[in-house]
C-alpha atoms as a PDB file:
ATOM      1  CA  UNK A   1     -35.371  92.565  77.064  1.00  0.00           C
ATOM      2  CA  UNK A   2     -36.305  95.583  75.277  1.00  0.00           C
ATOM      3  CA  UNK A   3     -33.917  95.631  72.724  1.00  0.00           C
ATOM      4  CA  UNK A   4     -34.544  94.071  69.162  1.00  0.00           C
ATOM      5  CA  UNK A   5     -34.565  94.788  65.532  1.00  0.00           C
ATOM      6  CA  UNK A   6     -35.974  95.014  62.121  1.00  0.00           C
ATOM      7  CA  UNK A   7     -34.605  93.894  59.139  1.00  0.00           C
ATOM      8  CA  UNK A   8     -35.349  93.864  55.435  1.00  0.00           C
ATOM      9  CA  UNK A   9     -33.701  91.406  53.052  1.00  0.00           C
ATOM     10  CA  UNK A  10     -32.852  92.886  49.658  1.00  0.00           C
ATOM     11  CA  UNK A  11     -31.874  90.273  46.508  1.00  0.00           C
ATOM     12  CA  UNK A  12     -30.512  92.440  43.184  1.00  0.00           C
ATOM     13  CA  UNK A  13     -29.590  90.201  40.137  1.00  0.00           C
ATOM     14  CA  UNK A  14     -26.964  91.121  37.946  1.00  0.00           C
ATOM     15  CA  UNK A  15     -26.670  93.011  35.244  1.00  0.00           C
ATOM     16  CA  UNK A  16     -26.692  90.869  31.949  1.00  0.00           C
ATOM     17  CA  UNK A  17     -23.741  92.588  30.001  1.00  0.00           C
ATOM     18  CA  UNK A  18     -23.201  89.617  27.916  1.00  0.00           C
ATOM     19  CA  UNK A  19     -24.540  88.082  24.114  1.00  0.00           C
ATOM     20  CA  UNK A  20     -27.581  88.311  23.863  1.00  0.00           C
ATOM     21  CA  UNK A  21     -27.162  84.014  24.194  1.00  0.00           C
ATOM     22  CA  UNK A  22     -25.482  83.780  27.838  1.00  0.00           C
ATOM     23  CA  UNK A  23     -27.247  84.656  30.646  1.00  0.00           C
ATOM     24  CA  UNK A  24     -25.212  85.186  34.287  1.00  0.00           C
ATOM     25  CA  UNK A  25     -26.602  83.346  37.053  1.00  0.00           C
ATOM     26  CA  UNK A  26     -25.264  84.951  40.251  1.00  0.00           C
ATOM     27  CA  UNK A  27     -27.344  87.484  42.392  1.00  0.00           C
ATOM     28  CA  UNK A  28     -26.405  90.141  45.251  1.00  0.00           C
ATOM     29  CA  UNK A  29     -27.722  89.151  48.277  1.00  0.00           C
ATOM     30  CA  UNK A  30     -27.772  91.858  51.150  1.00  0.00           C
ATOM     31  CA  UNK A  31     -28.868  91.957  54.135  1.00  0.00           C
ATOM     32  CA  UNK A  32     -29.992  96.173  55.633  1.00  0.00           C
ATOM     33  CA  UNK A  33     -30.137  96.025  59.588  1.00  0.00           C
ATOM     34  CA  UNK A  34     -31.599  98.644  62.058  1.00  0.00           C
ATOM     35  CA  UNK A  35     -30.804  97.274  65.754  1.00  0.00           C
ATOM     36  CA  UNK A  36     -31.292  98.985  69.087  1.00  0.00           C
ATOM     37  CA  UNK A  37     -29.250  97.430  71.905  1.00  0.00           C
ATOM     38  CA  UNK A  38     -28.514  97.608  76.000  1.00  0.00           C
ATOM     39  CA  UNK A  39     -26.959 100.625  76.783  1.00  0.00           C
ATOM     40  CA  UNK A  40     -23.878 101.785  78.975  1.00  0.00           C
ATOM     41  CA  UNK A  41     -20.051 101.258  79.551  1.00  0.00           C
ATOM     42  CA  UNK A  42     -20.853  98.492  81.269  1.00  0.00           C
ATOM     43  CA  UNK A  43     -23.218  96.442  79.075  1.00  0.00           C
ATOM     44  CA  UNK A  44     -20.561  95.221  76.165  1.00  0.00           C
ATOM     45  CA  UNK A  45     -21.105  91.384  76.613  1.00  0.00           C
ATOM     46  CA  UNK A  46     -25.352  91.983  76.705  1.00  0.00           C
ATOM     47  CA  UNK A  47     -24.940  94.124  73.627  1.00  0.00           C
ATOM     48  CA  UNK A  48     -22.563  91.164  71.796  1.00  0.00           C
ATOM     49  CA  UNK A  49     -25.621  89.010  73.147  1.00  0.00           C
ATOM     50  CA  UNK A  50     -28.238  91.256  72.055  1.00  0.00           C
ATOM     51  CA  UNK A  51     -25.837  90.973  68.394  1.00  0.00           C
ATOM     52  CA  UNK A  52     -26.473  87.502  68.292  1.00  0.00           C
ATOM     53  CA  UNK A  53     -29.750  87.001  69.288  1.00  0.00           C
ATOM     54  CA  UNK A  54     -30.679  89.311  66.441  1.00  0.00           C
ATOM     55  CA  UNK A  55     -28.735  87.238  63.784  1.00  0.00           C
ATOM     56  CA  UNK A  56     -29.947  83.576  64.960  1.00  0.00           C
ATOM     57  CA  UNK A  57     -33.236  85.452  64.913  1.00  0.00           C
ATOM     58  CA  UNK A  58     -33.327  87.023  61.098  1.00  0.00           C
ATOM     59  CA  UNK A  59     -31.443  83.687  60.380  1.00  0.00           C
ATOM     60  CA  UNK A  60     -34.477  81.649  61.875  1.00  0.00           C
ATOM     61  CA  UNK A  61     -36.967  84.564  59.142  1.00  0.00           C
ATOM     62  CA  UNK A  62     -34.873  84.708  56.743  1.00  0.00           C
ATOM     63  CA  UNK A  63     -36.361  83.833  52.949  1.00  0.00           C
ATOM     64  CA  UNK A  64     -34.736  80.291  51.870  1.00  0.00           C
ATOM     65  CA  UNK A  65     -33.276  81.700  48.869  1.00  0.00           C
ATOM     66  CA  UNK A  66     -31.011  83.674  51.164  1.00  0.00           C
ATOM     67  CA  UNK A  67     -29.599  80.577  53.217  1.00  0.00           C
ATOM     68  CA  UNK A  68     -27.745  77.905  50.621  1.00  0.00           C
ATOM     69  CA  UNK A  69     -29.492  74.443  50.010  1.00  0.00           C
ATOM     70  CA  UNK A  70     -27.445  72.662  52.548  1.00  0.00           C
ATOM     71  CA  UNK A  71     -28.147  75.112  55.582  1.00  0.00           C
ATOM     72  CA  UNK A  72     -31.745  75.328  55.932  1.00  0.00           C
ATOM     73  CA  UNK A  73     -32.097  74.631  58.787  1.00  0.00           C
ATOM     74  CA  UNK A  74     -35.439  72.409  60.160  1.00  0.00           C
ATOM     75  CA  UNK A  75     -34.424  71.037  63.511  1.00  0.00           C
ATOM     76  CA  UNK A  76     -30.845  72.294  63.830  1.00  0.00           C
ATOM     77  CA  UNK A  77     -30.207  75.976  66.534  1.00  0.00           C
ATOM     78  CA  UNK A  78     -29.800  78.893  64.157  1.00  0.00           C
ATOM     79  CA  UNK A  79     -27.037  80.856  64.788  1.00  0.00           C
ATOM     80  CA  UNK A  80     -26.760  83.315  63.106  1.00  0.00           C
ATOM     81  CA  UNK A  81     -23.875  82.009  61.039  1.00  0.00           C
ATOM     82  CA  UNK A  82     -25.209  80.651  58.913  1.00  0.00           C
ATOM     83  CA  UNK A  83     -27.194  83.456  57.171  1.00  0.00           C
ATOM     84  CA  UNK A  84     -24.491  86.133  58.251  1.00  0.00           C
ATOM     85  CA  UNK A  85     -21.989  83.638  56.166  1.00  0.00           C
ATOM     86  CA  UNK A  86     -24.271  83.707  53.140  1.00  0.00           C
ATOM     87  CA  UNK A  87     -25.026  87.290  52.526  1.00  0.00           C
ATOM     88  CA  UNK A  88     -22.552  89.610  50.174  1.00  0.00           C
ATOM     89  CA  UNK A  89     -23.373  92.284  51.849  1.00  0.00           C
ATOM     90  CA  UNK A  90     -24.536  93.079  55.797  1.00  0.00           C
ATOM     91  CA  UNK A  91     -25.442  96.919  56.985  1.00  0.00           C
ATOM     92  CA  UNK A  92     -26.714  96.420  60.393  1.00  0.00           C
ATOM     93  CA  UNK A  93     -26.637  99.929  62.207  1.00  0.00           C
ATOM     94  CA  UNK A  94     -29.270 102.040  64.551  1.00  0.00           C
ATOM     95  CA  UNK A  95     -28.207 102.390  68.547  1.00  0.00           C
ATOM     96  CA  UNK A  96     -25.508 100.002  68.910  1.00  0.00           C
ATOM     97  CA  UNK A  97     -24.761 101.720  71.918  1.00  0.00           C
ATOM     98  CA  UNK A  98     -21.014 101.274  72.086  1.00  0.00           C
ATOM     99  CA  UNK A  99     -18.759 103.448  73.768  1.00  0.00           C
ATOM    100  CA  UNK A 100     -15.161 104.681  73.138  1.00  0.00           C
ATOM    101  CA  UNK A 101     -13.427 104.856  77.444  1.00  0.00           C
ATOM    102  CA  UNK A 102     -11.192 107.694  76.650  1.00  0.00           C
END
């Protein structure tokens, strides 16, 4: 299987526009992914499988701060859902090879 992806995790701290005594604890968590997926109209299931395989592999390698504390995976199998749900934004781009059959 020669398809795959690379990702960058980015955490931006909120700008503190509150008074000097107040601080914001919220930050914005984003992931940017570029991927190459299976080609050809007939391979929709393979492309969908590529997406979930990539998501699960990224979840297994994600920085711990990008997963909720109670979702640290340990021996649990990575599905990708924990990571995707924990992020504020996901940008998934690349040669995704989805086609419109008109």
